[in-house]
Protein backbone atom coordinates (compact mmCIF):
# COMPACT_ATOMS: atom_id res chain seq x y z
CA MET A 1 -2.60 38.52 -23.94
CA GLU A 2 -0.87 36.58 -21.99
CA ALA A 3 -3.78 35.25 -19.84
CA PHE A 4 -6.07 35.04 -22.96
CA TYR A 5 -3.17 32.34 -24.07
CA LYS A 6 -3.11 30.78 -20.45
CA GLN A 7 -6.49 30.49 -20.85
CA GLU A 8 -6.55 29.13 -24.33
CA ASP A 9 -3.96 26.14 -22.62
CA LEU A 10 -6.06 25.96 -19.78
CA GLU A 11 -8.91 24.28 -22.01
CA VAL A 12 -6.59 22.53 -24.15
CA PHE A 13 -5.56 21.16 -21.26
CA ARG A 14 -9.05 20.16 -19.78
CA LYS A 15 -9.87 18.71 -23.23
CA TRP A 16 -6.44 16.59 -23.18
CA VAL A 17 -7.36 15.03 -19.28
CA TYR A 18 -10.94 14.52 -21.11
CA TYR A 19 -9.79 12.23 -24.03
CA GLN A 20 -6.76 10.78 -21.67
CA VAL A 21 -9.54 8.79 -19.74
CA GLU A 22 -12.24 8.01 -21.99
CA ASN A 23 -9.85 6.57 -24.29
CA ASP A 24 -8.58 4.12 -21.92
CA PRO A 25 -11.08 1.26 -21.17
CA ARG A 26 -9.88 0.73 -17.44
CA LEU A 27 -11.56 3.76 -16.25
CA THR A 28 -14.88 5.10 -15.84
CA LEU A 29 -15.20 9.28 -16.38
CA GLU A 30 -18.05 11.17 -15.13
CA LYS A 31 -18.14 15.16 -15.61
CA TYR A 32 -19.13 16.01 -11.95
CA ASP A 33 -19.75 19.89 -13.06
CA SER A 34 -18.44 21.98 -15.23
CA ARG A 35 -14.98 22.44 -13.75
CA THR A 36 -14.67 18.39 -12.48
CA TYR A 37 -14.08 15.32 -13.14
CA LYS A 38 -14.37 12.41 -11.31
CA ILE A 39 -12.42 9.30 -12.73
CA TYR A 40 -12.82 5.82 -11.47
CA TYR A 41 -10.47 2.66 -10.87
CA LYS A 42 -11.95 -0.18 -9.19
CA LYS A 43 -12.24 1.29 -5.75
CA ARG A 44 -10.64 4.21 -5.85
CA VAL A 45 -11.85 7.70 -6.94
CA ALA A 46 -9.78 10.93 -8.36
CA ARG A 47 -11.16 14.27 -8.48
CA PHE A 48 -9.61 16.64 -11.17
CA VAL A 49 -10.83 20.01 -10.98
CA ILE A 50 -9.78 23.22 -13.04
CA TRP A 51 -10.57 26.47 -10.59
CA PRO A 52 -11.70 29.59 -12.64
CA ILE A 53 -8.48 31.43 -10.94
CA GLY A 54 -6.50 28.67 -13.17
CA ILE A 55 -5.14 26.79 -9.69
CA VAL A 56 -5.84 22.55 -10.70
CA GLU A 57 -6.57 20.26 -8.21
CA GLU A 58 -6.05 16.68 -8.10
CA ALA A 59 -6.89 13.99 -5.32
CA ILE A 60 -7.39 10.20 -5.23
CA VAL A 61 -9.87 8.52 -2.57
CA GLU A 62 -10.38 4.99 -1.51
CA GLY A 63 -13.14 4.50 0.69
CA GLU A 64 -12.85 7.57 3.09
CA GLN A 65 -8.96 7.40 2.82
CA LEU A 66 -7.09 10.25 1.19
CA LEU A 67 -4.15 8.59 -1.20
CA PHE A 68 -3.36 11.30 -3.50
CA TYR A 69 -3.87 15.35 -2.84
CA LEU A 70 -2.31 18.29 -5.18
CA HIS A 71 -3.05 21.48 -6.12
CA TYR A 72 -0.74 24.00 -7.93
CA GLN A 73 -1.37 27.07 -10.24
CA PHE A 74 -1.36 26.22 -14.06
CA TYR A 75 1.58 27.83 -15.49
CA SER A 76 1.79 25.52 -18.90
CA PHE A 77 0.00 22.32 -20.85
CA HIS A 78 3.49 20.41 -20.10
CA TYR A 79 4.03 21.01 -16.24
CA ALA A 80 0.09 20.45 -16.14
CA THR A 81 0.11 17.36 -18.03
CA ASN A 82 3.30 16.13 -16.14
CA LEU A 83 1.32 16.26 -12.80
CA PHE A 84 -1.34 14.52 -14.52
CA HIS A 85 -0.03 11.84 -14.77
CA ARG A 86 1.69 11.35 -11.69
CA MET A 87 -1.54 11.36 -10.18
CA MET A 88 -2.57 8.42 -12.99
CA GLU A 89 0.25 6.68 -11.93
CA LYS A 90 -1.03 6.46 -8.44
CA LEU A 91 -4.57 5.97 -9.33
CA LEU A 92 -3.57 3.16 -11.49
CA GLU A 93 -1.13 1.56 -8.97
CA ASP A 94 -2.21 -2.02 -8.72
CA GLU A 95 -3.35 -3.22 -5.03
CA LYS A 96 -0.49 -4.36 -2.83
CA THR A 97 -1.06 -8.13 -1.99
CA ASN A 98 -2.02 -8.21 1.75
CA TYR A 99 0.54 -10.80 3.74
CA HIS A 100 -0.36 -12.72 6.78
CA ILE A 101 2.18 -12.80 9.52
CA LEU A 102 1.98 -14.78 12.69
CA LEU A 103 4.49 -13.92 15.38
CA CYS A 104 5.38 -16.86 17.93
CA CYS A 105 7.00 -17.46 21.38
CA SER A 106 6.01 -19.28 24.08
CA GLY A 107 3.13 -18.32 25.69
CA GLY A 108 2.10 -15.67 22.99
CA MET A 109 2.32 -12.80 25.48
CA THR A 110 5.51 -11.09 24.27
CA THR A 111 4.69 -11.55 20.62
CA GLY A 112 1.37 -10.41 21.14
CA TYR A 113 2.44 -6.72 22.50
CA PHE A 114 5.12 -7.10 19.47
CA ALA A 115 1.95 -7.87 17.34
CA GLN A 116 -0.20 -4.74 18.24
CA LYS A 117 2.80 -2.44 17.55
CA LEU A 118 3.80 -3.56 14.25
CA ASN A 119 0.16 -3.39 13.44
CA LYS A 120 -0.18 0.47 14.06
CA TYR A 121 3.22 0.71 12.40
CA CYS A 122 1.64 -0.63 9.42
CA GLN A 123 -1.55 1.53 9.27
CA LEU A 124 0.34 4.83 9.70
CA ASN A 125 2.70 3.67 6.94
CA HIS A 126 -0.02 2.15 4.64
CA LEU A 127 1.50 -1.32 4.61
CA PRO A 128 -0.12 -4.10 3.18
CA TYR A 129 0.55 -6.86 6.56
CA GLN A 130 -1.82 -8.17 8.69
CA ILE A 131 0.32 -9.51 11.91
CA ASP A 132 -0.95 -11.43 14.77
CA ALA A 133 0.53 -13.48 17.53
CA GLN A 134 0.19 -17.33 18.82
CA ALA A 135 2.03 -19.39 21.46
CA VAL A 136 4.14 -22.14 19.88
CA HIS A 137 2.03 -25.18 21.12
CA GLN A 138 -1.12 -23.58 18.76
CA LEU A 139 1.04 -23.35 15.79
CA GLU A 140 -0.11 -26.39 14.44
CA ASN A 141 -3.35 -25.25 14.69
CA VAL A 142 -3.43 -22.20 13.01
CA TYR A 143 -0.77 -21.93 10.77
CA GLN A 144 -2.37 -22.51 7.57
CA ASN A 145 -3.62 -19.07 7.96
CA TYR A 146 -0.30 -17.28 7.58
CA ASP A 147 2.01 -16.61 4.82
CA PHE A 148 5.03 -16.27 7.02
CA ILE A 149 5.59 -17.36 10.62
CA PHE A 150 8.47 -15.73 12.51
CA ILE A 151 9.59 -16.99 15.83
CA ALA A 152 10.84 -15.34 18.76
CA PRO A 153 14.53 -15.64 20.03
CA GLN A 154 13.75 -18.14 22.49
CA LEU A 155 12.57 -20.68 20.27
CA ARG A 156 15.32 -20.46 17.60
CA TYR A 157 16.82 -23.74 18.68
CA LYS A 158 13.11 -24.68 17.39
CA GLN A 159 13.38 -23.61 13.98
CA ARG A 160 14.51 -26.26 11.55
CA GLU A 161 11.83 -28.51 13.62
CA LEU A 162 8.71 -26.22 12.68
CA SER A 163 10.01 -25.43 9.15
CA GLN A 164 9.22 -29.47 8.90
CA THR A 165 5.96 -29.65 10.91
CA LEU A 166 4.46 -26.32 9.17
CA LYS A 167 5.23 -26.70 6.01
CA PRO A 168 5.11 -24.84 3.17
CA VAL A 169 4.58 -22.00 5.54
CA PRO A 170 8.24 -20.78 5.93
CA VAL A 171 9.55 -20.10 9.57
CA TYR A 172 11.77 -17.24 9.94
CA ASN A 173 13.71 -16.60 13.45
CA ILE A 174 13.54 -12.92 14.90
CA GLU A 175 16.83 -11.42 15.80
CA ALA A 176 16.94 -10.88 19.38
CA SER A 177 18.38 -7.20 18.99
CA VAL A 178 14.86 -6.50 17.16
CA PHE A 179 12.65 -8.60 19.25
CA ALA A 180 13.99 -6.68 22.80
CA THR A 181 13.61 -3.29 21.56
CA TYR A 182 9.93 -4.28 19.66
CA ASP A 183 11.83 -2.34 16.67
CA CYS A 184 9.18 -1.77 13.96
CA GLN A 185 10.85 -0.77 11.51
CA ALA A 186 14.04 -3.33 11.15
CA MET A 187 11.15 -6.09 11.78
CA ILE A 188 8.94 -4.78 8.61
CA GLU A 189 12.18 -5.15 6.99
CA VAL A 190 13.22 -8.73 8.13
CA ILE A 191 9.19 -9.06 6.91
CA GLU A 192 9.56 -7.74 3.37
CA LYS A 193 13.44 -9.62 2.58
CA ALA A 194 11.55 -12.65 3.08
CA ILE A 195 9.12 -11.94 0.86
CA LYS A 196 11.78 -10.65 -1.43
CA ASP A 197 13.60 -13.96 -1.07
CA GLY A 198 10.99 -15.59 -2.66
CA GLY A 199 9.07 -17.65 0.28
CA TYR A 200 6.02 -16.32 -0.53
CA ASP A 201 5.70 -17.40 -4.07
CA GLU A 202 7.52 -20.32 -3.70
CA ARG A 203 4.97 -20.99 -1.31
CA LYS A 204 1.77 -19.88 -3.52
CA GLY A 205 3.56 -21.44 -6.92
């Protein structure tokens, strides 16, 4: 009898998922086969499967990148709906703004190496930053392509001058302790603080 009720609950859950998606105008639902739904949102595709053994599988991909994966034994309607909501939150998560960041030093060599490390760090952690490097004498030719500019410690004395010359793009110093150790996590925290403080929004607004 318990197995019977569990199967009944699975059917209720399947229908509940169908109507949740079907009634959301942001989403497109495709019934892929007898046990699989595909749910489309912008560039993302969610796959929802109920296997005959009572296992529920949920996944989200964007292109070839797997953004979310979960599989679990169906225990109760309440348990399953909570996990489905978790997948939908990820699916409907607004795409992050991509920020273009420029690092600058005297010749562009040391910041070039730092930029490479930072880009790898961002890729591994799915962070929305594209980071380039440039020599200081090239700044006036390229600065308009960037949202923020961060200058190496040896250029600290030029920060005020560059802030005036390169308006409206904000110019920040990189702390010596961060720059000398190529500390990617600390540099990302500096970038995120600059964004949070409103430099980007003020420039765009």
